[in-house]
Amino acid sequence: MEKRAFGNTGLKVTSLGFGGAPIGLLDIEESRTDKILNLLLDSGVNLIDTAASYQGSEEMIGKTISHRRDEFILVSKCGGKFDEFDDPAWSPSIITKTIDRSLQRLKTDYLDVMLLHSCDLETLKKGDALAALVKARDAGKIRFSGYSGDNEAVAYAATIENIQVIQTSINITDQVNIDGLLPRVREKNIGVMVKRPIANAAWKNLGDQPGFYKNYAKTYTERLKKMKLNPTDLGFDGAPEIIWPEIALRFTISQPGVHVAIIGSTSPNNTRTNIEIAKKGPLPDDIITKIRAAFQNANSNESWMAQT
């Protein structure tokens, strides 16, 4: 699988990474998580993303693959309020405590990347939260500091000196950050991770969407219908459930400035499919142009924003 320079971090990341939200929030059994994560590492995928707020996700990753720690880049996110801590959200103290807890849960001495987990623009501008990440970096607890978010906040984050990695939303139905963010990160050589790269399977029936995916999927499903995209018009033939994931993932990893697309899966079979799709690399330019035009035409009177 293709590896890309991860901004100016000196790291190289595979174009496909793993998003750890589902294995925590959907209460997936440890044996299945073990199979999925080890399958990814065996296939060469080298970035694992999680967050302190993803319930049991950090613990599950620590249990199943911490013994292979030197084989992957480990990313988590922090900043929110937790019941076990009295500290307010985005305070330096909550960030410090959360980082220490993440290290324990993930059974590691350091995190490669820690991101502020979608704080608002005002909090980001204040600077205290990011300063806490920089302090943790200087102490050797994390290697690189960054921000996860969208729209105006993530565009601002790209201007800050100590933002070394950014995570944001980009997919066939969520293209605002392609124009609003990616030119800035390319200029500053910031590492970019993309969440929701397959648009929460917007081609599916909403009734088939699991748990926490429904809210995101509803918006993306509505947008995809308005875009009037048809796989055959893009030169793809086959069952929608097979063709759409390929179109979506390859569109996302085609965007200049995107280094890794993270997908959360609870199925070993879907994981294998994602790996094979990522190996095919970017889409041809003419197909990308058609998808971008469909988004722009459908969005001409609606001002769609990136989903946060």
Protein backbone atom coordinates (compact mmCIF):
# COMPACT_ATOMS: atom_id res chain seq x y z
CA MET A 1 0.00 0.00 0.00
CA GLU A 2 1.16 3.51 -0.81
CA LYS A 3 2.89 5.43 1.98
CA ARG A 4 2.87 9.20 2.07
CA ALA A 5 5.02 11.71 3.90
CA PHE A 6 2.92 12.85 6.87
CA GLY A 7 3.46 16.58 6.49
CA ASN A 8 6.69 17.70 8.12
CA THR A 9 6.56 15.15 10.95
CA GLY A 10 9.15 12.89 9.35
CA LEU A 11 6.67 10.00 9.54
CA LYS A 12 5.23 8.09 6.59
CA VAL A 13 1.64 6.93 6.71
CA THR A 14 -0.32 4.47 4.62
CA SER A 15 -3.16 6.03 2.63
CA LEU A 16 -5.59 3.94 4.71
CA GLY A 17 -5.76 4.13 8.49
CA PHE A 18 -8.13 2.78 11.13
CA GLY A 19 -10.66 4.89 13.03
CA GLY A 20 -11.33 3.53 16.50
CA ALA A 21 -14.75 5.02 17.27
CA PRO A 22 -16.91 1.98 16.40
CA ILE A 23 -14.94 -0.54 18.44
CA GLY A 24 -15.69 1.56 21.53
CA LEU A 25 -19.04 3.19 20.89
CA LEU A 26 -20.67 0.09 19.37
CA ASP A 27 -19.41 -2.24 22.10
CA ILE A 28 -17.66 -4.67 19.76
CA GLU A 29 -16.30 -7.82 21.40
CA GLU A 30 -12.57 -8.01 22.03
CA SER A 31 -12.01 -11.07 19.82
CA ARG A 32 -13.42 -9.33 16.74
CA THR A 33 -11.45 -6.16 17.44
CA ASP A 34 -8.31 -8.24 17.86
CA LYS A 35 -8.90 -9.85 14.47
CA ILE A 36 -9.55 -6.54 12.70
CA LEU A 37 -6.61 -4.63 14.17
CA ASN A 38 -4.10 -7.42 13.63
CA LEU A 39 -5.38 -7.92 10.09
CA LEU A 40 -4.72 -4.24 9.40
CA LEU A 41 -1.20 -4.40 10.79
CA ASP A 42 -0.47 -7.65 8.95
CA SER A 43 -1.55 -5.89 5.73
CA GLY A 44 0.81 -2.98 6.35
CA VAL A 45 -1.70 -0.35 7.50
CA ASN A 46 0.26 1.77 9.95
CA LEU A 47 -2.01 4.42 11.51
CA ILE A 48 -4.51 3.76 14.30
CA ASP A 49 -6.76 6.60 15.46
CA THR A 50 -8.86 6.74 18.62
CA ALA A 51 -10.07 9.28 21.21
CA ALA A 52 -10.49 9.53 24.94
CA SER A 53 -14.23 10.00 24.42
CA TYR A 54 -14.70 6.78 22.43
CA GLN A 55 -15.59 4.88 25.58
CA GLY A 56 -13.70 1.56 25.52
CA SER A 57 -11.75 2.17 22.30
CA GLU A 58 -8.41 3.11 23.84
CA GLU A 59 -8.55 0.14 26.23
CA MET A 60 -9.40 -2.24 23.39
CA ILE A 61 -6.48 -1.04 21.29
CA GLY A 62 -4.17 -1.39 24.26
CA LYS A 63 -5.33 -4.94 24.94
CA THR A 64 -5.11 -6.18 21.38
CA ILE A 65 -2.10 -4.58 19.67
CA SER A 66 0.06 -2.79 22.25
CA HIS A 67 2.57 -5.64 21.87
CA ARG A 68 3.02 -4.45 18.24
CA ARG A 69 3.47 -0.81 19.20
CA ASP A 70 6.54 -0.28 17.00
CA GLU A 71 4.50 -1.17 13.88
CA PHE A 72 2.01 1.69 13.90
CA ILE A 73 1.49 5.40 14.37
CA LEU A 74 -0.87 5.97 17.29
CA VAL A 75 -3.24 8.96 17.40
CA SER A 76 -5.73 9.96 20.08
CA LYS A 77 -7.83 13.02 20.85
CA CYS A 78 -8.64 14.91 24.04
CA GLY A 79 -10.03 18.05 25.62
CA GLY A 80 -13.59 17.18 26.59
CA LYS A 81 -15.08 16.83 30.08
CA PHE A 82 -15.09 13.47 31.84
CA ASP A 83 -17.09 12.45 34.89
CA GLU A 84 -14.07 11.10 36.74
CA PHE A 85 -12.27 14.46 36.54
CA ASP A 86 -13.53 17.69 38.13
CA ASP A 87 -11.58 19.82 35.68
CA PRO A 88 -13.52 21.83 33.08
CA ALA A 89 -13.43 20.99 29.39
CA TRP A 90 -10.43 22.38 27.47
CA SER A 91 -8.56 23.32 30.62
CA PRO A 92 -4.83 22.50 30.72
CA SER A 93 -5.47 20.24 33.70
CA ILE A 94 -8.12 18.10 31.95
CA ILE A 95 -5.86 17.74 28.92
CA THR A 96 -2.89 16.69 31.04
CA LYS A 97 -4.94 14.16 32.99
CA THR A 98 -6.55 12.78 29.86
CA ILE A 99 -3.20 12.28 28.15
CA ASP A 100 -1.86 10.41 31.17
CA ARG A 101 -4.97 8.22 31.24
CA SER A 102 -4.71 7.55 27.49
CA LEU A 103 -1.13 6.37 27.90
CA GLN A 104 -2.26 3.91 30.57
CA ARG A 105 -5.24 2.67 28.58
CA LEU A 106 -3.25 2.26 25.38
CA LYS A 107 -0.36 0.60 27.25
CA THR A 108 2.27 2.82 25.73
CA ASP A 109 4.93 5.28 26.83
CA TYR A 110 4.04 7.87 24.20
CA LEU A 111 1.47 8.88 21.61
CA ASP A 112 2.66 9.79 18.16
CA VAL A 113 -0.09 12.40 17.83
CA MET A 114 -2.58 13.96 20.25
CA LEU A 115 -5.30 16.19 18.81
CA LEU A 116 -7.63 18.68 20.41
CA HIS A 117 -10.99 17.04 19.81
CA SER A 118 -13.10 19.60 17.93
CA CYS A 119 -12.97 22.53 20.33
CA ASP A 120 -14.66 25.69 19.07
CA LEU A 121 -12.81 28.54 17.40
CA GLU A 122 -12.86 30.76 20.49
CA THR A 123 -11.23 28.04 22.61
CA LEU A 124 -8.64 27.40 19.94
CA LYS A 125 -7.77 31.10 19.71
CA LYS A 126 -7.43 31.38 23.48
CA GLY A 127 -4.45 29.04 23.27
CA ASP A 128 -4.47 27.38 26.70
CA ALA A 129 -5.61 24.00 25.39
CA LEU A 130 -2.97 23.85 22.70
CA ALA A 131 -0.32 25.02 25.16
CA ALA A 132 -1.12 21.96 27.30
CA LEU A 133 -0.47 19.71 24.29
CA VAL A 134 2.83 21.47 23.63
CA LYS A 135 3.82 20.95 27.26
CA ALA A 136 3.04 17.23 26.93
CA ARG A 137 5.09 17.15 23.73
CA ASP A 138 8.04 18.77 25.47
CA ALA A 139 7.72 16.18 28.25
CA GLY A 140 7.91 13.32 25.73
CA LYS A 141 4.36 12.08 26.28
CA ILE A 142 3.35 12.91 22.71
CA ARG A 143 5.44 13.49 19.60
CA PHE A 144 3.18 15.85 17.67
CA SER A 145 0.30 18.15 18.59
CA GLY A 146 -2.70 18.95 16.45
CA TYR A 147 -6.39 19.65 15.97
CA SER A 148 -9.45 17.72 14.83
CA GLY A 149 -12.31 19.79 13.43
CA ASP A 150 -13.93 21.44 10.45
CA ASN A 151 -14.92 24.64 8.69
CA GLU A 152 -13.70 27.97 10.07
CA ALA A 153 -12.05 26.44 13.14
CA VAL A 154 -9.89 23.97 11.22
CA ALA A 155 -8.94 26.63 8.67
CA TYR A 156 -7.72 28.79 11.57
CA ALA A 157 -5.92 25.82 13.15
CA ALA A 158 -3.84 25.47 10.00
CA THR A 159 -2.32 28.91 10.69
CA ILE A 160 -1.06 28.07 14.19
CA GLU A 161 2.62 27.24 14.63
CA ASN A 162 2.21 24.23 16.95
CA ILE A 163 -0.49 22.52 14.90
CA GLN A 164 1.53 19.78 13.23
CA VAL A 165 -1.33 17.40 12.34
CA ILE A 166 -4.94 18.07 11.38
CA GLN A 167 -7.90 15.73 11.20
CA THR A 168 -10.93 16.87 9.21
CA SER A 169 -13.94 15.70 7.18
CA ILE A 170 -13.59 15.19 3.43
CA ASN A 171 -15.63 12.85 1.24
CA ILE A 172 -17.82 12.78 -1.87
CA THR A 173 -20.65 14.58 -0.03
CA ASP A 174 -18.44 16.74 2.22
CA GLN A 175 -16.10 18.81 0.08
CA VAL A 176 -15.92 22.21 1.79
CA ASN A 177 -12.55 21.52 3.40
CA ILE A 178 -11.01 20.61 0.03
CA ASP A 179 -11.03 24.29 -0.93
CA GLY A 180 -11.14 25.93 2.50
CA LEU A 181 -8.38 23.93 4.17
CA LEU A 182 -6.19 21.83 1.91
CA PRO A 183 -4.41 24.71 0.15
CA ARG A 184 -3.36 26.04 3.56
CA VAL A 185 -2.05 22.73 4.86
CA ARG A 186 -0.13 22.09 1.66
CA GLU A 187 1.54 25.46 2.02
CA LYS A 188 2.54 24.77 5.61
CA ASN A 189 3.21 21.05 5.08
CA ILE A 190 0.88 19.92 7.87
CA GLY A 191 -0.01 16.25 8.25
CA VAL A 192 -3.64 15.59 7.26
CA MET A 193 -5.90 12.78 8.42
CA VAL A 194 -9.39 12.52 6.94
CA LYS A 195 -12.36 11.23 8.93
CA ARG A 196 -15.57 9.89 7.36
CA PRO A 197 -13.86 9.25 4.01
CA ILE A 198 -16.67 7.04 2.73
CA ALA A 199 -19.44 9.46 3.78
CA ASN A 200 -20.90 7.05 6.34
CA ALA A 201 -22.03 4.82 3.45
CA ALA A 202 -24.52 7.44 2.26
CA TRP A 203 -25.78 5.09 -0.45
CA LYS A 204 -27.29 2.75 2.18
CA ASN A 205 -30.83 2.77 3.51
CA LEU A 206 -30.82 4.88 6.68
CA GLY A 207 -32.56 2.09 8.53
CA ASP A 208 -29.47 -0.05 8.02
CA GLN A 209 -27.14 2.47 9.63
CA PRO A 210 -25.90 1.53 13.12
CA GLY A 211 -26.24 3.65 16.25
CA PHE A 212 -24.19 6.82 16.33
CA TYR A 213 -23.71 6.82 12.54
CA LYS A 214 -27.32 7.75 11.83
CA ASN A 215 -27.06 11.51 12.36
CA TYR A 216 -24.06 11.88 10.07
CA ALA A 217 -25.46 9.39 7.57
CA LYS A 218 -28.77 11.24 7.32
CA THR A 219 -27.11 14.45 6.13
CA TYR A 220 -24.77 12.65 3.77
CA THR A 221 -27.59 10.51 2.36
CA GLU A 222 -29.68 13.59 1.60
CA ARG A 223 -26.72 15.28 -0.08
CA LEU A 224 -25.86 12.26 -2.23
CA LYS A 225 -29.43 12.11 -3.54
CA LYS A 226 -29.30 15.81 -4.47
CA MET A 227 -25.96 15.30 -6.19
CA LYS A 228 -27.61 12.77 -8.55
CA LEU A 229 -24.44 10.77 -8.91
CA ASN A 230 -24.65 7.38 -10.56
CA PRO A 231 -21.71 4.95 -10.53
CA THR A 232 -22.30 4.04 -14.17
CA ASP A 233 -21.93 7.70 -15.16
CA LEU A 234 -18.52 7.59 -13.48
CA GLY A 235 -17.48 4.50 -15.42
CA PHE A 236 -18.15 1.93 -12.70
CA ASP A 237 -20.36 -1.14 -13.07
CA GLY A 238 -21.56 -3.49 -10.35
CA ALA A 239 -23.69 -3.67 -7.24
CA PRO A 240 -23.90 -0.31 -5.41
CA GLU A 241 -22.75 -1.81 -2.11
CA ILE A 242 -19.54 -2.92 -3.84
CA ILE A 243 -18.91 0.01 -6.19
CA TRP A 244 -19.76 2.98 -3.96
CA PRO A 245 -17.14 2.25 -1.25
CA GLU A 246 -14.44 2.18 -3.92
CA ILE A 247 -15.56 5.43 -5.51
CA ALA A 248 -15.84 7.15 -2.14
CA LEU A 249 -12.55 6.04 -0.59
CA ARG A 250 -10.51 6.57 -3.74
CA PHE A 251 -12.03 10.06 -4.17
CA THR A 252 -10.90 11.02 -0.69
CA ILE A 253 -7.34 9.73 -0.99
CA SER A 254 -7.09 11.48 -4.37
CA GLN A 255 -7.20 14.96 -2.84
CA PRO A 256 -3.82 16.76 -2.84
CA GLY A 257 -2.78 17.36 0.74
CA VAL A 258 -4.62 14.35 2.19
CA HIS A 259 -2.18 11.84 3.64
CA VAL A 260 -4.36 9.19 5.29
CA ALA A 261 -8.07 8.36 5.32
CA ILE A 262 -9.28 6.66 8.50
CA ILE A 263 -12.17 4.20 8.39
CA GLY A 264 -13.74 2.59 11.42
CA SER A 265 -14.92 -0.94 10.73
CA THR A 266 -16.46 -3.67 12.87
CA SER A 267 -16.17 -6.33 10.16
CA PRO A 268 -13.02 -8.22 9.13
CA ASN A 269 -14.51 -8.67 5.64
CA ASN A 270 -15.13 -4.94 5.22
CA THR A 271 -11.64 -4.29 6.52
CA ARG A 272 -10.16 -6.53 3.81
CA THR A 273 -12.25 -4.72 1.21
CA ASN A 274 -11.02 -1.32 2.40
CA ILE A 275 -7.42 -2.50 2.20
CA GLU A 276 -7.84 -3.71 -1.37
CA ILE A 277 -9.57 -0.49 -2.41
CA ALA A 278 -6.83 1.67 -0.92
CA LYS A 279 -4.22 -0.32 -2.84
CA LYS A 280 -5.87 0.84 -6.10
CA GLY A 281 -4.88 4.41 -5.30
CA PRO A 282 -6.45 7.68 -6.49
CA LEU A 283 -9.26 7.96 -9.02
CA PRO A 284 -8.62 9.25 -12.55
CA ASP A 285 -8.81 13.04 -12.83
CA ASP A 286 -11.91 13.03 -15.02
CA ILE A 287 -13.93 11.10 -12.44
CA ILE A 288 -12.80 13.44 -9.66
CA THR A 289 -13.90 16.39 -11.78
CA LYS A 290 -17.38 14.89 -12.25
CA ILE A 291 -17.81 14.25 -8.52
CA ARG A 292 -16.66 17.74 -7.62
CA ALA A 293 -19.01 19.27 -10.18
CA ALA A 294 -21.96 17.25 -8.84
CA PHE A 295 -21.27 18.57 -5.33
CA GLN A 296 -20.93 22.16 -6.50
CA ASN A 297 -24.11 22.03 -8.57
CA ALA A 298 -26.19 20.48 -5.77
CA ASN A 299 -24.73 22.88 -3.22
CA SER A 300 -25.11 26.05 -5.29
CA ASN A 301 -28.10 27.33 -3.28
CA GLU A 302 -27.60 25.51 0.05
CA SER A 303 -24.18 26.45 1.42
CA TRP A 304 -23.37 23.02 2.78
CA MET A 305 -20.82 23.05 5.58
CA ALA A 306 -18.54 20.23 6.67
CA GLN A 307 -20.06 18.00 9.32
CA THR A 308 -18.28 18.53 12.62
